[in-house]
């Protein structure tokens, strides 16, 4: 009756789907592939020591902090992102918060209001200038 296997969506293995009409209020811990088309109001965290990836679809919304090895955003996220391996900001991504990354990829059209913080720079514990305001960054396609 129920399948034990992951399905594929946008080229990623998906174990858990939060549908477009679903609203979750509260913190969420996951492992495997999490695909969000709905809305989450709370902290989203990957389980320690397990492979995990979060894919926020174009119509998806997360209002809260995100901690996961792989984070792919094409929707709206209000909160800080902590990606242990890589973060991808797709064309329709709208992020309001700081993005902590090891590897980052941004597509033309992605918008970020906040700071990009590289993991190595954070590990060195360099003091951040307190007076520096967040930056709004919009990626546009380069002309040939």
N, C-alpha and C. Protein backbone atom coordinates (compact mmCIF):
# COMPACT_ATOMS: atom_id res chain seq x y z
N UNK A 1 0.81 -1.18 0.00
CA UNK A 1 0.00 0.00 0.00
C UNK A 1 0.87 1.26 0.00
N UNK A 2 1.85 1.35 0.91
CA UNK A 2 2.76 2.49 0.93
C UNK A 2 4.11 2.05 0.42
N UNK A 3 4.76 2.95 -0.31
CA UNK A 3 6.09 2.64 -0.83
C UNK A 3 7.15 3.04 0.19
N UNK A 4 8.22 2.26 0.25
CA UNK A 4 9.34 2.57 1.11
C UNK A 4 10.41 3.36 0.38
N UNK A 5 10.31 3.46 -0.93
CA UNK A 5 11.34 4.09 -1.72
C UNK A 5 11.13 5.60 -1.83
N UNK A 6 12.24 6.30 -2.06
CA UNK A 6 12.18 7.73 -2.35
C UNK A 6 11.69 7.91 -3.78
N UNK A 7 11.06 9.05 -4.05
CA UNK A 7 10.71 9.39 -5.42
C UNK A 7 11.63 10.51 -5.88
N UNK A 8 11.61 10.77 -7.16
CA UNK A 8 12.45 11.83 -7.74
C UNK A 8 11.59 13.04 -8.05
N UNK A 9 12.12 14.23 -7.74
CA UNK A 9 11.45 15.47 -8.08
C UNK A 9 12.52 16.48 -8.40
N UNK A 10 12.46 17.09 -9.55
CA UNK A 10 13.46 18.06 -9.99
C UNK A 10 14.87 17.48 -9.91
N UNK A 11 14.99 16.15 -10.11
CA UNK A 11 16.30 15.50 -10.11
C UNK A 11 16.83 15.14 -8.75
N UNK A 12 16.03 15.30 -7.69
CA UNK A 12 16.48 15.01 -6.33
C UNK A 12 15.60 13.92 -5.73
N UNK A 13 16.22 13.08 -4.92
CA UNK A 13 15.47 12.04 -4.21
C UNK A 13 14.64 12.70 -3.11
N UNK A 14 13.35 12.44 -3.11
CA UNK A 14 12.44 13.04 -2.14
C UNK A 14 11.82 11.94 -1.28
N UNK A 15 12.04 12.05 0.02
CA UNK A 15 11.43 11.12 0.97
C UNK A 15 10.17 11.71 1.59
N UNK A 16 10.15 13.05 1.75
CA UNK A 16 9.03 13.72 2.39
C UNK A 16 8.59 14.90 1.54
N UNK A 17 7.28 15.00 1.32
CA UNK A 17 6.71 16.09 0.54
C UNK A 17 5.74 16.85 1.43
N UNK A 18 5.93 18.16 1.50
CA UNK A 18 4.97 19.02 2.18
C UNK A 18 4.22 19.75 1.07
N UNK A 19 2.97 19.35 0.87
CA UNK A 19 2.16 19.83 -0.24
C UNK A 19 1.81 21.30 -0.16
N UNK A 20 1.31 21.83 -1.28
CA UNK A 20 1.03 23.26 -1.42
C UNK A 20 0.01 23.77 -0.42
N UNK A 21 -0.94 22.95 0.01
CA UNK A 21 -1.99 23.42 0.92
C UNK A 21 -1.67 23.11 2.38
N UNK A 22 -0.45 22.70 2.68
CA UNK A 22 -0.07 22.34 4.05
C UNK A 22 0.65 23.50 4.72
N UNK A 23 0.26 23.77 5.98
CA UNK A 23 0.95 24.76 6.81
C UNK A 23 1.39 24.04 8.08
N UNK A 24 2.68 24.08 8.36
CA UNK A 24 3.22 23.48 9.58
C UNK A 24 3.69 24.61 10.48
N UNK A 25 3.19 24.62 11.71
CA UNK A 25 3.60 25.62 12.69
C UNK A 25 4.35 24.87 13.79
N UNK A 26 5.65 25.12 13.87
CA UNK A 26 6.49 24.43 14.84
C UNK A 26 7.77 23.97 14.17
N UNK A 27 8.71 23.50 14.98
CA UNK A 27 10.00 23.06 14.46
C UNK A 27 9.87 21.70 13.79
N UNK A 28 10.70 21.49 12.77
CA UNK A 28 10.66 20.27 11.98
C UNK A 28 12.07 19.70 11.86
N UNK A 29 12.24 18.41 12.18
CA UNK A 29 13.52 17.73 12.00
C UNK A 29 13.30 16.64 10.96
N UNK A 30 14.24 16.54 10.00
CA UNK A 30 14.08 15.58 8.91
C UNK A 30 15.40 14.95 8.54
N UNK A 31 15.31 13.88 7.75
CA UNK A 31 16.49 13.29 7.11
C UNK A 31 16.05 12.87 5.72
N UNK A 32 17.02 12.61 4.85
CA UNK A 32 16.69 12.28 3.46
C UNK A 32 16.34 13.54 2.70
N UNK A 33 15.46 13.41 1.72
CA UNK A 33 15.07 14.55 0.90
C UNK A 33 13.74 15.12 1.35
N UNK A 34 13.71 16.42 1.62
CA UNK A 34 12.48 17.12 2.01
C UNK A 34 12.15 18.13 0.94
N UNK A 35 10.95 18.02 0.34
CA UNK A 35 10.49 18.91 -0.71
C UNK A 35 9.32 19.71 -0.16
N UNK A 36 9.46 21.04 -0.14
CA UNK A 36 8.45 21.90 0.48
C UNK A 36 7.76 22.74 -0.58
N UNK A 37 6.46 22.47 -0.78
CA UNK A 37 5.62 23.29 -1.64
C UNK A 37 4.69 24.17 -0.81
N UNK A 38 4.52 23.81 0.46
CA UNK A 38 3.64 24.53 1.36
C UNK A 38 4.37 25.56 2.19
N UNK A 39 3.94 25.71 3.45
CA UNK A 39 4.49 26.75 4.32
C UNK A 39 4.89 26.14 5.66
N UNK A 40 6.08 26.50 6.12
CA UNK A 40 6.56 26.08 7.43
C UNK A 40 6.87 27.33 8.23
N UNK A 41 6.29 27.42 9.42
CA UNK A 41 6.57 28.52 10.34
C UNK A 41 7.28 27.89 11.53
N UNK A 42 8.60 27.95 11.52
CA UNK A 42 9.41 27.34 12.56
C UNK A 42 10.76 26.94 12.01
N UNK A 43 11.59 26.41 12.88
CA UNK A 43 12.95 26.01 12.53
C UNK A 43 12.92 24.66 11.79
N UNK A 44 13.70 24.56 10.70
CA UNK A 44 13.81 23.32 9.93
C UNK A 44 15.25 22.83 10.06
N UNK A 45 15.42 21.62 10.62
CA UNK A 45 16.74 21.10 10.92
C UNK A 45 16.89 19.68 10.41
N UNK A 46 18.03 19.40 9.77
CA UNK A 46 18.34 18.03 9.35
C UNK A 46 18.87 17.26 10.54
N UNK A 47 18.52 15.98 10.63
CA UNK A 47 18.99 15.11 11.71
C UNK A 47 20.51 14.98 11.61
N UNK A 48 21.18 15.02 12.75
CA UNK A 48 22.64 14.91 12.79
C UNK A 48 23.10 13.55 12.27
N UNK A 49 24.17 13.55 11.49
CA UNK A 49 24.82 12.32 11.05
C UNK A 49 24.10 11.57 9.96
N UNK A 50 23.04 12.13 9.39
CA UNK A 50 22.31 11.47 8.31
C UNK A 50 22.32 12.37 7.09
N UNK A 51 22.36 11.77 5.89
CA UNK A 51 22.30 12.61 4.69
C UNK A 51 20.94 13.29 4.60
N UNK A 52 20.95 14.56 4.20
CA UNK A 52 19.70 15.31 4.12
C UNK A 52 19.83 16.45 3.11
N UNK A 53 18.73 16.70 2.41
CA UNK A 53 18.68 17.84 1.51
C UNK A 53 17.28 18.43 1.57
N UNK A 54 17.23 19.75 1.52
CA UNK A 54 15.97 20.49 1.55
C UNK A 54 15.80 21.21 0.23
N UNK A 55 14.65 21.03 -0.41
CA UNK A 55 14.34 21.72 -1.64
C UNK A 55 13.07 22.53 -1.40
N UNK A 56 13.19 23.85 -1.43
CA UNK A 56 12.06 24.75 -1.25
C UNK A 56 11.57 25.16 -2.63
N UNK A 57 10.37 24.68 -2.99
CA UNK A 57 9.80 24.93 -4.32
C UNK A 57 9.42 26.39 -4.49
N UNK A 58 9.15 26.79 -5.73
CA UNK A 58 8.85 28.18 -6.07
C UNK A 58 7.71 28.75 -5.24
N UNK A 59 6.67 27.98 -5.01
CA UNK A 59 5.53 28.46 -4.23
C UNK A 59 5.69 28.20 -2.73
N UNK A 60 6.77 27.55 -2.32
CA UNK A 60 6.99 27.22 -0.91
C UNK A 60 7.49 28.40 -0.11
N UNK A 61 7.18 28.37 1.20
CA UNK A 61 7.58 29.45 2.12
C UNK A 61 8.07 28.82 3.42
N UNK A 62 9.21 29.30 3.89
CA UNK A 62 9.70 28.92 5.22
C UNK A 62 9.96 30.21 5.99
N UNK A 63 9.37 30.28 7.18
CA UNK A 63 9.58 31.42 8.08
C UNK A 63 10.30 30.87 9.31
N UNK A 64 11.61 30.87 9.25
CA UNK A 64 12.41 30.34 10.34
C UNK A 64 13.79 29.95 9.85
N UNK A 65 14.62 29.57 10.79
CA UNK A 65 16.00 29.19 10.50
C UNK A 65 16.05 27.80 9.86
N UNK A 66 17.03 27.61 8.95
CA UNK A 66 17.20 26.33 8.27
C UNK A 66 18.62 25.83 8.52
N UNK A 67 18.76 24.56 8.92
CA UNK A 67 20.05 23.90 9.10
C UNK A 67 20.00 22.57 8.36
N UNK A 68 20.80 22.44 7.29
CA UNK A 68 20.85 21.19 6.52
C UNK A 68 22.14 21.16 5.71
N UNK A 69 22.61 19.96 5.36
CA UNK A 69 23.82 19.88 4.54
C UNK A 69 23.63 20.52 3.16
N UNK A 70 22.53 20.19 2.49
CA UNK A 70 22.25 20.72 1.16
C UNK A 70 20.91 21.46 1.20
N UNK A 71 20.93 22.73 0.77
CA UNK A 71 19.72 23.55 0.76
C UNK A 71 19.56 24.16 -0.62
N UNK A 72 18.41 23.88 -1.26
CA UNK A 72 18.11 24.44 -2.58
C UNK A 72 16.84 25.25 -2.44
N UNK A 73 16.93 26.54 -2.75
CA UNK A 73 15.82 27.46 -2.54
C UNK A 73 15.37 28.03 -3.87
N UNK A 74 14.06 27.89 -4.14
CA UNK A 74 13.46 28.53 -5.29
C UNK A 74 12.19 29.26 -4.87
N UNK A 75 11.93 29.30 -3.57
CA UNK A 75 10.76 29.96 -3.01
C UNK A 75 11.19 31.09 -2.10
N UNK A 76 10.39 31.34 -1.06
CA UNK A 76 10.62 32.45 -0.14
C UNK A 76 11.05 31.93 1.22
N UNK A 77 12.14 32.45 1.73
CA UNK A 77 12.65 32.04 3.03
C UNK A 77 12.98 33.28 3.85
N UNK A 78 12.39 33.37 5.04
CA UNK A 78 12.68 34.46 5.97
C UNK A 78 13.38 33.84 7.18
N UNK A 79 14.68 34.00 7.25
CA UNK A 79 15.47 33.42 8.33
C UNK A 79 16.85 33.07 7.83
N UNK A 80 17.73 32.75 8.75
CA UNK A 80 19.09 32.39 8.38
C UNK A 80 19.15 30.97 7.82
N UNK A 81 20.06 30.76 6.89
CA UNK A 81 20.28 29.45 6.28
C UNK A 81 21.69 29.00 6.66
N UNK A 82 21.79 27.76 7.16
CA UNK A 82 23.08 27.16 7.50
C UNK A 82 23.21 25.88 6.69
N UNK A 83 24.01 25.93 5.61
CA UNK A 83 24.17 24.78 4.72
C UNK A 83 25.58 24.23 4.92
N UNK A 84 25.69 23.02 5.45
CA UNK A 84 26.98 22.41 5.74
C UNK A 84 27.79 22.07 4.51
N UNK A 85 27.11 21.69 3.42
CA UNK A 85 27.81 21.31 2.19
C UNK A 85 27.63 22.36 1.09
N UNK A 86 26.35 22.64 0.75
CA UNK A 86 26.14 23.58 -0.35
C UNK A 86 24.75 24.19 -0.27
N UNK A 87 24.64 25.40 -0.79
CA UNK A 87 23.36 26.08 -0.89
C UNK A 87 23.22 26.59 -2.32
N UNK A 88 22.02 26.42 -2.86
CA UNK A 88 21.72 26.89 -4.22
C UNK A 88 20.54 27.83 -4.14
N UNK A 89 20.72 29.03 -4.66
CA UNK A 89 19.63 30.00 -4.75
C UNK A 89 19.19 30.02 -6.21
N UNK A 90 18.05 29.42 -6.48
CA UNK A 90 17.54 29.30 -7.85
C UNK A 90 16.92 30.62 -8.29
N UNK A 91 16.44 30.66 -9.51
CA UNK A 91 15.98 31.89 -10.15
C UNK A 91 14.90 32.63 -9.38
N UNK A 92 13.97 31.94 -8.76
CA UNK A 92 12.85 32.58 -8.05
C UNK A 92 13.09 32.69 -6.54
N UNK A 93 14.30 32.41 -6.08
CA UNK A 93 14.62 32.45 -4.65
C UNK A 93 14.50 33.86 -4.11
N UNK A 94 13.86 33.98 -2.95
CA UNK A 94 13.75 35.25 -2.22
C UNK A 94 14.13 34.94 -0.78
N UNK A 95 15.33 35.35 -0.38
CA UNK A 95 15.83 35.03 0.96
C UNK A 95 16.05 36.32 1.73
N UNK A 96 15.47 36.37 2.92
CA UNK A 96 15.69 37.49 3.83
C UNK A 96 16.34 36.93 5.07
N UNK A 97 17.66 37.03 5.13
CA UNK A 97 18.43 36.48 6.23
C UNK A 97 19.84 36.20 5.76
N UNK A 98 20.68 35.78 6.67
CA UNK A 98 22.07 35.48 6.33
C UNK A 98 22.18 34.04 5.83
N UNK A 99 23.07 33.85 4.86
CA UNK A 99 23.29 32.52 4.28
C UNK A 99 24.70 32.08 4.65
N UNK A 100 24.80 31.04 5.47
CA UNK A 100 26.07 30.45 5.89
C UNK A 100 26.31 29.24 5.00
N UNK A 101 27.45 29.22 4.30
CA UNK A 101 27.65 28.22 3.26
C UNK A 101 29.09 27.73 3.22
N UNK A 102 29.29 26.59 2.58
CA UNK A 102 30.62 26.12 2.19
C UNK A 102 30.78 26.37 0.69
N UNK A 103 29.76 25.98 -0.07
CA UNK A 103 29.70 26.24 -1.51
C UNK A 103 28.35 26.89 -1.79
N UNK A 104 28.34 27.95 -2.60
CA UNK A 104 27.09 28.62 -2.94
C UNK A 104 26.97 28.73 -4.45
N UNK A 105 25.73 28.57 -4.94
CA UNK A 105 25.43 28.77 -6.36
C UNK A 105 24.21 29.66 -6.43
N UNK A 106 24.30 30.74 -7.21
CA UNK A 106 23.17 31.65 -7.36
C UNK A 106 22.82 31.80 -8.83
N UNK A 107 21.56 31.62 -9.13
CA UNK A 107 21.07 31.77 -10.50
C UNK A 107 20.63 33.20 -10.74
N UNK A 108 20.60 33.61 -12.00
CA UNK A 108 20.12 34.93 -12.36
C UNK A 108 18.68 35.08 -11.89
N UNK A 109 18.39 36.18 -11.20
CA UNK A 109 17.05 36.44 -10.68
C UNK A 109 16.91 36.19 -9.20
N UNK A 110 17.81 35.43 -8.60
CA UNK A 110 17.75 35.16 -7.16
C UNK A 110 17.95 36.45 -6.38
N UNK A 111 17.23 36.58 -5.26
CA UNK A 111 17.35 37.78 -4.42
C UNK A 111 17.72 37.37 -3.00
N UNK A 112 18.70 38.07 -2.44
CA UNK A 112 19.14 37.84 -1.08
C UNK A 112 19.24 39.18 -0.36
N UNK A 113 18.52 39.30 0.74
CA UNK A 113 18.65 40.47 1.61
C UNK A 113 19.26 39.95 2.90
N UNK A 114 20.55 40.16 3.03
CA UNK A 114 21.30 39.63 4.16
C UNK A 114 22.76 39.50 3.79
N UNK A 115 23.45 38.63 4.48
CA UNK A 115 24.89 38.45 4.25
C UNK A 115 25.18 37.04 3.78
N UNK A 116 26.19 36.90 2.93
CA UNK A 116 26.76 35.60 2.59
C UNK A 116 27.94 35.40 3.53
N UNK A 117 27.92 34.32 4.31
CA UNK A 117 28.97 34.06 5.29
C UNK A 117 29.60 32.72 4.96
N UNK A 118 30.86 32.74 4.54
CA UNK A 118 31.56 31.50 4.20
C UNK A 118 31.94 30.76 5.48
N UNK A 119 31.84 29.44 5.47
CA UNK A 119 32.09 28.62 6.67
C UNK A 119 33.51 28.80 7.19
N UNK A 120 34.51 28.89 6.32
CA UNK A 120 35.89 29.06 6.77
C UNK A 120 36.09 30.40 7.44
N UNK A 121 35.47 31.45 6.92
CA UNK A 121 35.59 32.77 7.53
C UNK A 121 34.94 32.77 8.90
N UNK A 122 33.84 32.05 9.03
CA UNK A 122 33.16 31.96 10.31
C UNK A 122 34.00 31.16 11.31
N UNK A 123 34.67 30.10 10.83
CA UNK A 123 35.49 29.26 11.70
C UNK A 123 36.69 30.03 12.25
N UNK A 124 37.20 31.00 11.49
CA UNK A 124 38.33 31.81 11.95
C UNK A 124 37.91 32.81 13.01
N UNK A 125 36.60 32.94 13.21
CA UNK A 125 36.04 33.83 14.23
C UNK A 125 36.51 35.27 14.07
N UNK A 126 36.47 35.75 12.84
CA UNK A 126 36.80 37.15 12.60
C UNK A 126 35.66 38.01 13.11
N UNK A 127 35.96 39.08 13.83
CA UNK A 127 34.87 39.92 14.30
C UNK A 127 34.18 40.61 13.13
N UNK A 128 32.87 40.55 13.13
CA UNK A 128 32.10 41.18 12.06
C UNK A 128 31.81 42.62 12.44
N UNK A 129 31.90 43.53 11.50
CA UNK A 129 31.58 44.92 11.82
C UNK A 129 30.09 45.03 12.16
N UNK A 130 29.81 45.53 13.36
CA UNK A 130 28.43 45.59 13.84
C UNK A 130 27.61 46.63 13.09
N UNK A 131 28.24 47.68 12.61
CA UNK A 131 27.51 48.76 11.98
C UNK A 131 27.15 48.47 10.53
N UNK A 132 27.73 47.42 9.94
CA UNK A 132 27.46 47.13 8.53
C UNK A 132 26.05 46.61 8.36
N UNK A 133 25.24 47.28 7.54
CA UNK A 133 23.86 46.84 7.33
C UNK A 133 23.83 45.64 6.38
N UNK A 134 22.75 44.85 6.41
CA UNK A 134 22.61 43.76 5.45
C UNK A 134 22.57 44.31 4.03
N UNK A 135 22.97 43.51 3.10
CA UNK A 135 23.03 43.91 1.70
C UNK A 135 21.91 43.21 0.94
N UNK A 136 21.28 43.92 0.01
CA UNK A 136 20.31 43.29 -0.88
C UNK A 136 21.05 42.97 -2.16
N UNK A 137 21.01 41.70 -2.54
CA UNK A 137 21.75 41.22 -3.71
C UNK A 137 20.78 40.57 -4.65
N UNK A 138 20.76 41.03 -5.90
CA UNK A 138 19.95 40.42 -6.94
C UNK A 138 20.89 40.03 -8.07
N UNK A 139 20.85 38.77 -8.45
CA UNK A 139 21.72 38.28 -9.51
C UNK A 139 21.01 38.48 -10.84
N UNK A 140 21.71 39.10 -11.77
CA UNK A 140 21.18 39.28 -13.11
C UNK A 140 22.07 38.57 -14.11
N UNK A 141 21.51 38.19 -15.22
CA UNK A 141 22.28 37.48 -16.23
C UNK A 141 23.29 38.42 -16.87
N UNK A 142 24.50 37.92 -17.09
CA UNK A 142 25.53 38.71 -17.77
C UNK A 142 25.27 38.68 -19.26
N UNK A 143 25.53 39.81 -19.89
CA UNK A 143 25.35 39.87 -21.34
C UNK A 143 26.60 39.41 -22.04
N UNK A 144 26.43 38.71 -23.14
CA UNK A 144 27.58 38.18 -23.88
C UNK A 144 28.20 39.22 -24.76
